[in-house]
């Protein structure tokens, strides 16, 4: 049964040369922090897989994580409107016990609508853009502002299920073994 365990990693301390390397490093730090904290604990069933993920939007070479405030979100949307960027999501898996790991990054090109200032103000006022990488969602209130994507839509939601299936298989875990019998 999946559960969420917040890593507590200080993301501002992680640096990398590319956005892809940065999200992979953040995902690794998060998964490893949880694995270390939970290692040897009675609450970790055998054959557990810990998954860490992190996403950022790359636009003109800039890494855009969560906006710091509403003004930052408005500024981002004025920069993004009518353009496209690449959403990168780093995935890092740790298999417990044993500590085998796999890391990969999924990238999806996202095309944004040409919003006017009133639409940007209204969207930012919902608070949603402040909670997510790139200041947008595809599966929430921001969905109408994404005109199309090239690549895996699961990645834009936050985790690439096709990539996750491959990483799990590489760790010897069958995707179908994760299903709960009806």
C-alpha atoms as a PDB file:
ATOM      1  CA  UNK A   1       0.000   0.000   0.000  1.00  0.00           C
ATOM      2  CA  UNK A   2       1.536   3.368  -1.006  1.00  0.00           C
ATOM      3  CA  UNK A   3       2.135   5.989   1.655  1.00  0.00           C
ATOM      4  CA  UNK A   4       3.599   9.487   1.648  1.00  0.00           C
ATOM      5  CA  UNK A   5       6.615  10.279   3.823  1.00  0.00           C
ATOM      6  CA  UNK A   6       7.965  13.830   3.564  1.00  0.00           C
ATOM      7  CA  UNK A   7      11.762  13.743   3.248  1.00  0.00           C
ATOM      8  CA  UNK A   8      12.592  17.012   5.006  1.00  0.00           C
ATOM      9  CA  UNK A   9      15.423  17.667   2.504  1.00  0.00           C
ATOM     10  CA  UNK A  10      16.509  21.306   2.238  1.00  0.00           C
ATOM     11  CA  UNK A  11      16.133  21.652  -1.524  1.00  0.00           C
ATOM     12  CA  UNK A  12      18.057  24.939  -1.609  1.00  0.00           C
ATOM     13  CA  UNK A  13      21.278  23.113  -0.711  1.00  0.00           C
ATOM     14  CA  UNK A  14      21.225  20.909  -3.835  1.00  0.00           C
ATOM     15  CA  UNK A  15      23.067  22.190  -6.926  1.00  0.00           C
ATOM     16  CA  UNK A  16      23.656  20.756 -10.408  1.00  0.00           C
ATOM     17  CA  UNK A  17      24.822  21.871 -13.837  1.00  0.00           C
ATOM     18  CA  UNK A  18      21.586  21.094 -15.712  1.00  0.00           C
ATOM     19  CA  UNK A  19      17.916  21.075 -14.807  1.00  0.00           C
ATOM     20  CA  UNK A  20      17.773  17.324 -15.536  1.00  0.00           C
ATOM     21  CA  UNK A  21      20.681  16.699 -13.154  1.00  0.00           C
ATOM     22  CA  UNK A  22      19.110  18.980 -10.546  1.00  0.00           C
ATOM     23  CA  UNK A  23      15.757  17.162 -10.451  1.00  0.00           C
ATOM     24  CA  UNK A  24      17.546  13.785 -10.398  1.00  0.00           C
ATOM     25  CA  UNK A  25      19.730  14.955  -7.497  1.00  0.00           C
ATOM     26  CA  UNK A  26      16.714  16.269  -5.596  1.00  0.00           C
ATOM     27  CA  UNK A  27      14.790  13.040  -6.143  1.00  0.00           C
ATOM     28  CA  UNK A  28      17.823  11.041  -4.968  1.00  0.00           C
ATOM     29  CA  UNK A  29      18.272  13.175  -1.850  1.00  0.00           C
ATOM     30  CA  UNK A  30      14.584  12.821  -0.948  1.00  0.00           C
ATOM     31  CA  UNK A  31      14.408   9.052  -1.450  1.00  0.00           C
ATOM     32  CA  UNK A  32      17.708   8.433   0.335  1.00  0.00           C
ATOM     33  CA  UNK A  33      16.643  10.601   3.297  1.00  0.00           C
ATOM     34  CA  UNK A  34      13.453   8.586   3.722  1.00  0.00           C
ATOM     35  CA  UNK A  35      15.295   5.278   3.216  1.00  0.00           C
ATOM     36  CA  UNK A  36      17.899   6.216   5.835  1.00  0.00           C
ATOM     37  CA  UNK A  37      15.269   7.345   8.332  1.00  0.00           C
ATOM     38  CA  UNK A  38      13.181   4.218   7.855  1.00  0.00           C
ATOM     39  CA  UNK A  39      16.029   1.700   7.531  1.00  0.00           C
ATOM     40  CA  UNK A  40      15.704  -1.134   9.995  1.00  0.00           C
ATOM     41  CA  UNK A  41      12.412   0.151  11.318  1.00  0.00           C
ATOM     42  CA  UNK A  42       9.600  -2.225  12.129  1.00  0.00           C
ATOM     43  CA  UNK A  43       7.264  -0.157   9.956  1.00  0.00           C
ATOM     44  CA  UNK A  44       9.113  -1.031   6.714  1.00  0.00           C
ATOM     45  CA  UNK A  45       7.781  -4.239   5.186  1.00  0.00           C
ATOM     46  CA  UNK A  46      10.183  -6.444   3.247  1.00  0.00           C
ATOM     47  CA  UNK A  47      10.290  -5.657  -0.453  1.00  0.00           C
ATOM     48  CA  UNK A  48       9.514  -1.987   0.041  1.00  0.00           C
ATOM     49  CA  UNK A  49      10.414   0.461  -2.720  1.00  0.00           C
ATOM     50  CA  UNK A  50      10.939   4.075  -1.726  1.00  0.00           C
ATOM     51  CA  UNK A  51      10.331   6.539  -4.547  1.00  0.00           C
ATOM     52  CA  UNK A  52      11.576  10.110  -4.529  1.00  0.00           C
ATOM     53  CA  UNK A  53      10.544  12.585  -7.234  1.00  0.00           C
ATOM     54  CA  UNK A  54      11.106  16.224  -8.002  1.00  0.00           C
ATOM     55  CA  UNK A  55       9.922  18.360 -10.927  1.00  0.00           C
ATOM     56  CA  UNK A  56      10.982  21.659 -12.455  1.00  0.00           C
ATOM     57  CA  UNK A  57      10.000  23.534 -15.566  1.00  0.00           C
ATOM     58  CA  UNK A  58      12.890  24.570 -17.803  1.00  0.00           C
ATOM     59  CA  UNK A  59      12.256  27.698 -19.841  1.00  0.00           C
ATOM     60  CA  UNK A  60      15.078  29.522 -21.626  1.00  0.00           C
ATOM     61  CA  UNK A  61      17.565  27.497 -19.581  1.00  0.00           C
ATOM     62  CA  UNK A  62      16.047  28.603 -16.276  1.00  0.00           C
ATOM     63  CA  UNK A  63      14.933  26.051 -13.672  1.00  0.00           C
ATOM     64  CA  UNK A  64      11.506  27.021 -12.360  1.00  0.00           C
ATOM     65  CA  UNK A  65      10.375  25.188  -9.254  1.00  0.00           C
ATOM     66  CA  UNK A  66       7.565  26.396  -7.016  1.00  0.00           C
ATOM     67  CA  UNK A  67       7.094  30.179  -7.029  1.00  0.00           C
ATOM     68  CA  UNK A  68       8.071  31.913  -3.793  1.00  0.00           C
ATOM     69  CA  UNK A  69       4.907  34.014  -3.674  1.00  0.00           C
ATOM     70  CA  UNK A  70       1.985  35.309  -5.751  1.00  0.00           C
ATOM     71  CA  UNK A  71       4.068  38.068  -7.342  1.00  0.00           C
ATOM     72  CA  UNK A  72       6.589  35.452  -8.495  1.00  0.00           C
ATOM     73  CA  UNK A  73       3.766  33.283  -9.902  1.00  0.00           C
ATOM     74  CA  UNK A  74       2.333  36.255 -11.830  1.00  0.00           C
ATOM     75  CA  UNK A  75       5.782  37.112 -13.198  1.00  0.00           C
ATOM     76  CA  UNK A  76       6.312  33.482 -14.265  1.00  0.00           C
ATOM     77  CA  UNK A  77       3.008  33.307 -16.089  1.00  0.00           C
ATOM     78  CA  UNK A  78       3.763  36.517 -17.967  1.00  0.00           C
ATOM     79  CA  UNK A  79       7.069  34.886 -18.977  1.00  0.00           C
ATOM     80  CA  UNK A  80       5.466  31.517 -19.893  1.00  0.00           C
ATOM     81  CA  UNK A  81       2.298  32.617 -21.689  1.00  0.00           C
ATOM     82  CA  UNK A  82       2.172  31.699 -25.349  1.00  0.00           C
ATOM     83  CA  UNK A  83       5.424  29.746 -25.049  1.00  0.00           C
ATOM     84  CA  UNK A  84       6.610  26.248 -24.302  1.00  0.00           C
ATOM     85  CA  UNK A  85       8.939  24.794 -21.711  1.00  0.00           C
ATOM     86  CA  UNK A  86      10.168  21.366 -20.731  1.00  0.00           C
ATOM     87  CA  UNK A  87       8.959  19.837 -17.484  1.00  0.00           C
ATOM     88  CA  UNK A  88      11.645  17.541 -16.059  1.00  0.00           C
ATOM     89  CA  UNK A  89      10.842  15.060 -13.290  1.00  0.00           C
ATOM     90  CA  UNK A  90      13.624  13.210 -11.529  1.00  0.00           C
ATOM     91  CA  UNK A  91      12.795   9.750 -10.173  1.00  0.00           C
ATOM     92  CA  UNK A  92      14.954   7.853  -7.669  1.00  0.00           C
ATOM     93  CA  UNK A  93      14.004   4.430  -6.325  1.00  0.00           C
ATOM     94  CA  UNK A  94      15.517   2.611  -3.341  1.00  0.00           C
ATOM     95  CA  UNK A  95      14.658  -1.040  -2.746  1.00  0.00           C
ATOM     96  CA  UNK A  96      14.531  -2.128   0.892  1.00  0.00           C
ATOM     97  CA  UNK A  97      16.151  -4.283   2.072  1.00  0.00           C
ATOM     98  CA  UNK A  98      19.399  -4.279   0.152  1.00  0.00           C
ATOM     99  CA  UNK A  99      19.491  -0.675  -0.932  1.00  0.00           C
ATOM    100  CA  UNK A 100      19.532  -1.239  -4.711  1.00  0.00           C
ATOM    101  CA  UNK A 101      18.768   2.050  -6.476  1.00  0.00           C
ATOM    102  CA  UNK A 102      17.778   3.396  -9.864  1.00  0.00           C
ATOM    103  CA  UNK A 103      17.614   6.999 -11.054  1.00  0.00           C
ATOM    104  CA  UNK A 104      16.152   8.480 -14.238  1.00  0.00           C
ATOM    105  CA  UNK A 105      14.549  11.667 -15.486  1.00  0.00           C
ATOM    106  CA  UNK A 106      11.459  12.070 -17.662  1.00  0.00           C
ATOM    107  CA  UNK A 107      11.010  15.204 -19.762  1.00  0.00           C
ATOM    108  CA  UNK A 108       7.827  16.489 -21.380  1.00  0.00           C
ATOM    109  CA  UNK A 109       7.380  19.625 -23.478  1.00  0.00           C
ATOM    110  CA  UNK A 110       4.462  21.748 -22.294  1.00  0.00           C
ATOM    111  CA  UNK A 111       2.816  24.415 -24.453  1.00  0.00           C
ATOM    112  CA  UNK A 112       1.083  27.258 -22.613  1.00  0.00           C
ATOM    113  CA  UNK A 113      -1.900  29.327 -23.727  1.00  0.00           C
ATOM    114  CA  UNK A 114      -1.411  33.035 -24.326  1.00  0.00           C
ATOM    115  CA  UNK A 115      -3.212  34.192 -21.176  1.00  0.00           C
ATOM    116  CA  UNK A 116      -4.138  37.818 -20.705  1.00  0.00           C
ATOM    117  CA  UNK A 117      -3.265  39.587 -17.459  1.00  0.00           C
ATOM    118  CA  UNK A 118      -6.780  39.112 -16.023  1.00  0.00           C
ATOM    119  CA  UNK A 119      -6.574  35.333 -16.535  1.00  0.00           C
ATOM    120  CA  UNK A 120      -3.163  35.253 -14.878  1.00  0.00           C
ATOM    121  CA  UNK A 121      -4.451  37.262 -11.910  1.00  0.00           C
ATOM    122  CA  UNK A 122      -7.492  35.008 -11.519  1.00  0.00           C
ATOM    123  CA  UNK A 123      -5.414  31.816 -11.707  1.00  0.00           C
ATOM    124  CA  UNK A 124      -2.795  33.038  -9.247  1.00  0.00           C
ATOM    125  CA  UNK A 125      -5.604  34.149  -6.880  1.00  0.00           C
ATOM    126  CA  UNK A 126      -6.692  30.483  -6.588  1.00  0.00           C
ATOM    127  CA  UNK A 127      -3.400  29.731  -4.817  1.00  0.00           C
ATOM    128  CA  UNK A 128      -2.806  26.630  -6.924  1.00  0.00           C
ATOM    129  CA  UNK A 129       0.241  27.983  -8.829  1.00  0.00           C
ATOM    130  CA  UNK A 130       2.060  28.563  -5.531  1.00  0.00           C
ATOM    131  CA  UNK A 131       2.005  24.853  -4.694  1.00  0.00           C
ATOM    132  CA  UNK A 132       3.538  23.357  -7.836  1.00  0.00           C
ATOM    133  CA  UNK A 133       6.681  23.343  -9.943  1.00  0.00           C
ATOM    134  CA  UNK A 134       6.443  25.759 -12.846  1.00  0.00           C
ATOM    135  CA  UNK A 135       3.409  27.483 -11.281  1.00  0.00           C
ATOM    136  CA  UNK A 136       0.914  25.340 -13.214  1.00  0.00           C
ATOM    137  CA  UNK A 137      -1.011  22.086 -13.144  1.00  0.00           C
ATOM    138  CA  UNK A 138      -2.391  20.041 -15.997  1.00  0.00           C
ATOM    139  CA  UNK A 139      -4.797  18.063 -13.814  1.00  0.00           C
ATOM    140  CA  UNK A 140      -6.214  20.945 -11.812  1.00  0.00           C
ATOM    141  CA  UNK A 141      -7.310  24.527 -12.308  1.00  0.00           C
ATOM    142  CA  UNK A 142      -4.352  25.171 -14.642  1.00  0.00           C
ATOM    143  CA  UNK A 143      -5.426  22.503 -17.125  1.00  0.00           C
ATOM    144  CA  UNK A 144      -7.183  24.927 -19.508  1.00  0.00           C
ATOM    145  CA  UNK A 145      -3.944  26.927 -19.799  1.00  0.00           C
ATOM    146  CA  UNK A 146      -1.944  24.012 -21.174  1.00  0.00           C
ATOM    147  CA  UNK A 147      -2.742  23.860 -24.899  1.00  0.00           C
ATOM    148  CA  UNK A 148      -0.805  20.649 -25.604  1.00  0.00           C
ATOM    149  CA  UNK A 149       2.121  18.533 -24.550  1.00  0.00           C
ATOM    150  CA  UNK A 150       4.742  16.423 -26.296  1.00  0.00           C
ATOM    151  CA  UNK A 151       5.617  13.397 -24.205  1.00  0.00           C
ATOM    152  CA  UNK A 152       4.284  11.631 -21.152  1.00  0.00           C
ATOM    153  CA  UNK A 153       1.304  13.407 -19.566  1.00  0.00           C
ATOM    154  CA  UNK A 154       1.831  11.425 -16.323  1.00  0.00           C
ATOM    155  CA  UNK A 155       5.164  13.206 -15.997  1.00  0.00           C
ATOM    156  CA  UNK A 156       3.410  16.581 -16.015  1.00  0.00           C
ATOM    157  CA  UNK A 157       1.127  15.379 -13.228  1.00  0.00           C
ATOM    158  CA  UNK A 158       4.222  14.574 -11.156  1.00  0.00           C
ATOM    159  CA  UNK A 159       5.440  11.014 -11.744  1.00  0.00           C
ATOM    160  CA  UNK A 160       6.058   9.209 -15.015  1.00  0.00           C
ATOM    161  CA  UNK A 161       4.190   5.918 -14.684  1.00  0.00           C
ATOM    162  CA  UNK A 162       5.810   4.383 -17.807  1.00  0.00           C
ATOM    163  CA  UNK A 163       9.281   5.298 -16.508  1.00  0.00           C
ATOM    164  CA  UNK A 164       8.392   4.081 -13.011  1.00  0.00           C
ATOM    165  CA  UNK A 165       7.308   0.716 -14.441  1.00  0.00           C
ATOM    166  CA  UNK A 166      10.688   0.351 -16.200  1.00  0.00           C
ATOM    167  CA  UNK A 167      12.695   1.375 -13.122  1.00  0.00           C
ATOM    168  CA  UNK A 168      10.755  -1.056 -10.942  1.00  0.00           C
ATOM    169  CA  UNK A 169      11.344  -3.868 -13.446  1.00  0.00           C
ATOM    170  CA  UNK A 170      15.058  -3.072 -13.392  1.00  0.00           C
ATOM    171  CA  UNK A 171      14.920  -3.550  -9.611  1.00  0.00           C
ATOM    172  CA  UNK A 172      13.120  -6.875 -10.074  1.00  0.00           C
ATOM    173  CA  UNK A 173       9.671  -5.598  -9.115  1.00  0.00           C
ATOM    174  CA  UNK A 174       6.819  -6.378 -11.504  1.00  0.00           C
ATOM    175  CA  UNK A 175       4.316  -3.570 -12.044  1.00  0.00           C
ATOM    176  CA  UNK A 176       1.462  -6.048 -11.808  1.00  0.00           C
ATOM    177  CA  UNK A 177       2.719  -7.287  -8.419  1.00  0.00           C
ATOM    178  CA  UNK A 178       1.851  -3.877  -6.979  1.00  0.00           C
ATOM    179  CA  UNK A 179      -1.860  -4.296  -7.570  1.00  0.00           C
ATOM    180  CA  UNK A 180      -4.071  -5.142  -4.669  1.00  0.00           C
ATOM    181  CA  UNK A 181      -6.251  -8.177  -5.484  1.00  0.00           C
ATOM    182  CA  UNK A 182      -9.938  -7.331  -5.852  1.00  0.00           C
END
